[in-house]
Structures are given as C-alpha cells and as structure tokens.
Amino acid sequence: MKFRSRITKPVSAVLCVMALAVGAGSTAAAAAATDRTAQSAESKYAAQAKAVGLSSRQAAQVQDRVDAQLADIKVPAEQVAYNEIRAKDGSAIITVSVPGVANTSCDYEYLCLWTGPNWTDSKLAFYQCRDYDLSHYSAFRNDTLTSYKNNQTTGTVARFYNWEGRKVYKFGSTAYHTEDSLSNTPWDNMIDIVDVC
C-alpha cells in the first residue's frame, strides 16, 4: 500500500499539472479565437469604410465614435457595421454619422430620430411598439433629439414626451412618412421619451 501511494501521489500531481496545462491551453485557444474574430470584424468594418470612400484616418475616427457609443449605451448592443450599432433584441439601431455619407433615410415601418437638424448627425431607428427612454442611447442622452421621420405604416402615431418629474406629452406624429426638423420649435433638444406606436 505504501509503495502504491508513493507512486499515486506523483502520478496524481503529473495528471493535475497536465489537466491545468490543457485547461490553460483551452483558455488560450478560446482567447486567440476571440481575438481572431475581433480582428476579422475590424477588418470587415475597415473594408466597409474604405468602400464608402473613407480614408484610414476617417475610418478610425468613425470607429472611435462607435466604440464610445457602445461603451456608453445602456442596453445590450453590438456593432454590426462600420458605423452601425444594433440592440441585441433588435429593437433599435444607431447609425453614427460619417463625413460625406448621407444618413437621411428611414426604412419603412421605422420611427427614426436624429441628433442634428434636417436629419443629420447620429440616427436612432426604432421598430417595436413601446416606450423608449432616449437616455439609454448614448448620443441621444441629454435631450439631443432635433429631427425625426415617422415612416411607420399609415395611421401609426408616435408620441413624444419630456420628463418633468413625470412623463409629459409634447406632440405626436402620424405616419406615413411624417417628418420634421425641430430646430426652430420649442421641442428642440427637449424630448426624453418616445412611444413609437
């Protein structure tokens, strides 16, 4: 028994070391795979930016803006294009503005919001019918809504609210394709909550 236990301990120790090495190898392999995936995504986004005519410097600036918004967004989200972030539940899409690239369209059945006048700067597009707190979407924090397009199905009403200790209705928009730049209205840089439909 003594002889057996003397052998068992060193063998056990060797097996433990081997198991740790395999585990460390698995962890390292997983980290390397994640790194490769991230590098592949970065290459894809860089190629997309180049395809729309951005220089490497401009592409890097856009990526910095995307990274900053991803770090600041309060809903689970991921980058899905060189200038686009999507909420993981599919409820919202943020499009970061890009120099020289128009960002004024709004897909059918969406309510789209912009931080700049006349449908410029960052865009936030909503599809699902519910209330959205704009402070959860980085660029739209601090009452920055300045223009919108309601391109939902005909007759769909979007409602816009300000938080004044409670949700206070300010105005509504009835689709199809109602749009407005709020820059010369009392509602510019005021809206905190949107009820999409």
Protein backbone atom coordinates (compact mmCIF):
# COMPACT_ATOMS: atom_id res chain seq x y z
CA MET A 1 0.00 0.00 0.00
CA LYS A 2 2.85 2.37 0.85
CA PHE A 3 4.53 1.62 -2.45
CA ARG A 4 1.30 2.26 -4.33
CA SER A 5 0.56 5.54 -2.53
CA ARG A 6 4.07 6.83 -3.24
CA ILE A 7 3.53 6.25 -6.93
CA THR A 8 -0.03 7.54 -6.91
CA LYS A 9 0.89 10.94 -5.48
CA PRO A 10 3.47 11.78 -8.16
CA VAL A 11 1.20 10.40 -10.87
CA SER A 12 -1.70 12.44 -9.49
CA ALA A 13 0.48 15.53 -9.41
CA VAL A 14 1.52 14.97 -13.02
CA LEU A 15 -2.09 14.44 -14.07
CA CYS A 16 -3.15 17.63 -12.27
CA VAL A 17 -0.39 19.60 -13.97
CA MET A 18 -1.41 18.11 -17.34
CA ALA A 19 -5.07 18.98 -16.69
CA LEU A 20 -4.11 22.54 -15.79
CA ALA A 21 -1.99 22.79 -18.91
CA VAL A 22 -4.84 21.51 -21.07
CA GLY A 23 -7.25 23.93 -19.35
CA ALA A 24 -4.83 26.80 -19.83
CA GLY A 25 -4.39 25.72 -23.44
CA SER A 26 -8.16 25.70 -23.92
CA THR A 27 -8.44 29.15 -22.36
CA ALA A 28 -5.59 30.44 -24.51
CA ALA A 29 -7.17 28.86 -27.61
CA ALA A 30 -10.54 30.44 -26.79
CA ALA A 31 -8.87 33.83 -26.23
CA ALA A 32 -7.00 33.51 -29.52
CA ALA A 33 -10.22 32.58 -31.34
CA THR A 34 -12.00 35.60 -29.81
CA ASP A 35 -9.06 37.78 -30.83
CA ARG A 36 -9.20 36.46 -34.41
CA THR A 37 -12.96 37.10 -34.54
CA ALA A 38 -12.46 40.67 -33.30
CA GLN A 39 -9.66 41.25 -35.83
CA SER A 40 -11.84 39.80 -38.60
CA ALA A 41 -14.71 42.14 -37.64
CA GLU A 42 -12.32 45.11 -37.53
CA SER A 43 -11.01 44.19 -41.00
CA LYS A 44 -14.57 43.86 -42.30
CA TYR A 45 -15.56 47.25 -40.85
CA ALA A 46 -12.39 48.87 -42.23
CA ALA A 47 -13.21 47.43 -45.67
CA GLN A 48 -16.78 48.78 -45.42
CA ALA A 49 -15.44 52.22 -44.50
CA LYS A 50 -12.99 52.13 -47.39
CA ALA A 51 -15.80 51.11 -49.78
CA VAL A 52 -17.73 54.30 -48.98
CA GLY A 53 -14.60 56.38 -49.61
CA LEU A 54 -13.29 56.99 -46.11
CA SER A 55 -9.58 57.37 -45.53
CA SER A 56 -7.90 55.21 -42.88
CA ARG A 57 -7.89 58.21 -40.56
CA GLN A 58 -11.62 58.89 -41.10
CA ALA A 59 -12.43 55.20 -40.61
CA ALA A 60 -10.51 55.22 -37.33
CA GLN A 61 -12.42 58.34 -36.20
CA VAL A 62 -15.76 56.69 -37.01
CA GLN A 63 -14.66 53.54 -35.15
CA ASP A 64 -13.72 55.68 -32.14
CA ARG A 65 -17.23 57.19 -32.16
CA VAL A 66 -18.82 53.73 -32.44
CA ASP A 67 -16.66 52.44 -29.57
CA ALA A 68 -17.59 55.45 -27.41
CA GLN A 69 -21.31 54.91 -28.04
CA LEU A 70 -21.01 51.17 -27.36
CA ALA A 71 -19.27 51.91 -24.07
CA ASP A 72 -22.00 54.38 -23.09
CA ILE A 73 -25.20 52.64 -24.28
CA LYS A 74 -27.44 51.29 -21.51
CA VAL A 75 -29.00 48.40 -23.46
CA PRO A 76 -27.22 45.23 -24.61
CA ALA A 77 -25.89 46.10 -28.06
CA GLU A 78 -23.22 45.18 -30.60
CA GLN A 79 -21.52 46.70 -33.61
CA VAL A 80 -22.93 45.25 -36.84
CA ALA A 81 -21.38 47.53 -39.49
CA TYR A 82 -18.60 50.09 -39.69
CA ASN A 83 -20.96 52.83 -38.44
CA GLU A 84 -23.89 50.86 -37.02
CA ILE A 85 -24.81 49.54 -33.59
CA ARG A 86 -27.81 47.26 -33.03
CA ALA A 87 -29.60 46.49 -29.77
CA LYS A 88 -29.27 42.74 -29.24
CA ASP A 89 -33.07 42.37 -29.04
CA GLY A 90 -33.40 44.07 -32.45
CA SER A 91 -35.44 46.95 -31.03
CA ALA A 92 -33.11 49.79 -32.02
CA ILE A 93 -30.37 50.66 -34.49
CA ILE A 94 -27.91 53.53 -34.00
CA THR A 95 -26.15 54.82 -37.10
CA VAL A 96 -23.13 57.02 -36.41
CA SER A 97 -22.76 59.94 -38.83
CA VAL A 98 -19.94 59.71 -41.36
CA PRO A 99 -18.32 62.67 -43.15
CA GLY A 100 -19.63 62.89 -46.71
CA VAL A 101 -22.09 59.99 -46.35
CA ALA A 102 -25.80 60.85 -46.32
CA ASN A 103 -27.73 59.38 -43.42
CA THR A 104 -31.17 60.89 -44.04
CA SER A 105 -33.21 57.82 -44.99
CA CYS A 106 -35.62 55.98 -42.69
CA ASP A 107 -36.65 52.42 -43.54
CA TYR A 108 -40.33 51.61 -43.93
CA GLU A 109 -42.11 50.72 -40.65
CA TYR A 110 -39.48 52.56 -38.55
CA LEU A 111 -39.51 55.71 -36.49
CA CYS A 112 -36.13 57.45 -36.96
CA LEU A 113 -34.61 60.18 -34.80
CA TRP A 114 -31.56 62.37 -35.42
CA THR A 115 -29.43 64.47 -33.11
CA GLY A 116 -28.84 67.10 -35.80
CA PRO A 117 -31.19 69.39 -37.75
CA ASN A 118 -32.58 68.29 -41.11
CA TRP A 119 -31.87 64.58 -40.49
CA THR A 120 -28.15 64.89 -39.85
CA ASP A 121 -25.66 63.55 -37.29
CA SER A 122 -26.34 60.33 -35.34
CA LYS A 123 -29.54 58.42 -36.17
CA LEU A 124 -31.59 56.15 -33.91
CA ALA A 125 -34.20 53.91 -35.57
CA PHE A 126 -36.96 52.10 -33.65
CA TYR A 127 -39.21 49.31 -34.90
CA GLN A 128 -41.02 47.80 -31.89
CA CYS A 129 -44.14 49.41 -30.43
CA ARG A 130 -43.22 50.56 -26.93
CA ASP A 131 -41.85 53.47 -24.91
CA TYR A 132 -38.13 54.18 -25.21
CA ASP A 133 -36.10 56.23 -22.76
CA LEU A 134 -33.71 58.11 -25.04
CA SER A 135 -31.16 58.46 -22.24
CA HIS A 136 -30.36 54.76 -22.73
CA TYR A 137 -28.96 55.50 -26.20
CA SER A 138 -25.66 57.33 -25.70
CA ALA A 139 -25.83 60.01 -28.43
CA PHE A 140 -29.44 60.81 -27.51
CA ARG A 141 -28.76 61.34 -23.83
CA ASN A 142 -29.29 64.87 -22.51
CA ASP A 143 -32.23 65.86 -24.71
CA THR A 144 -30.48 65.89 -28.08
CA LEU A 145 -33.37 64.97 -30.43
CA THR A 146 -33.52 67.59 -33.18
CA SER A 147 -35.27 65.93 -36.14
CA TYR A 148 -37.30 62.82 -36.92
CA LYS A 149 -39.15 60.83 -39.60
CA ASN A 150 -42.18 58.68 -38.86
CA ASN A 151 -42.06 56.13 -41.69
CA GLN A 152 -44.30 53.56 -40.00
CA THR A 153 -47.46 52.11 -41.52
CA THR A 154 -50.14 54.62 -42.44
CA GLY A 155 -52.02 55.97 -39.44
CA THR A 156 -49.45 54.85 -36.85
CA VAL A 157 -48.98 57.56 -34.22
CA ALA A 158 -45.66 58.15 -32.47
CA ARG A 159 -45.80 60.24 -29.28
CA PHE A 160 -43.01 62.40 -27.88
CA TYR A 161 -42.60 63.23 -24.19
CA ASN A 162 -40.42 65.26 -21.85
CA TRP A 163 -39.61 64.13 -18.32
CA GLU A 164 -40.73 66.81 -15.87
CA GLY A 165 -40.88 64.75 -12.70
CA ARG A 166 -43.32 62.65 -14.72
CA LYS A 167 -43.81 61.84 -18.40
CA VAL A 168 -45.36 64.93 -20.07
CA TYR A 169 -46.78 64.69 -23.62
CA LYS A 170 -45.40 67.30 -26.01
CA PHE A 171 -46.52 66.32 -29.52
CA GLY A 172 -47.46 63.43 -31.80
CA SER A 173 -46.65 62.36 -35.33
CA THR A 174 -48.94 60.32 -37.58
CA ALA A 175 -47.37 58.17 -40.30
CA TYR A 176 -46.99 57.70 -43.26
CA HIS A 177 -43.66 59.47 -43.69
CA THR A 178 -44.26 62.42 -41.40
CA GLU A 179 -41.02 64.25 -40.80
CA ASP A 180 -39.90 67.36 -39.04
CA SER A 181 -36.79 69.25 -38.05
CA LEU A 182 -37.39 70.51 -34.53
CA SER A 183 -34.58 73.08 -34.59
CA ASN A 184 -36.97 76.05 -34.74
CA THR A 185 -39.60 74.67 -32.38
CA PRO A 186 -39.97 74.64 -28.57
CA TRP A 187 -39.33 70.87 -28.63
CA ASP A 188 -35.76 71.05 -29.97
CA ASN A 189 -33.39 69.32 -27.52
CA MET A 190 -36.26 68.61 -25.13
CA ILE A 191 -37.62 65.11 -25.77
CA ASP A 192 -36.64 62.34 -23.33
CA ILE A 193 -39.12 59.56 -24.12
CA VAL A 194 -40.67 58.29 -27.34
CA ASP A 195 -43.69 55.99 -27.59
CA VAL A 196 -43.09 54.52 -31.02
CA CYS A 197 -46.66 53.32 -31.65
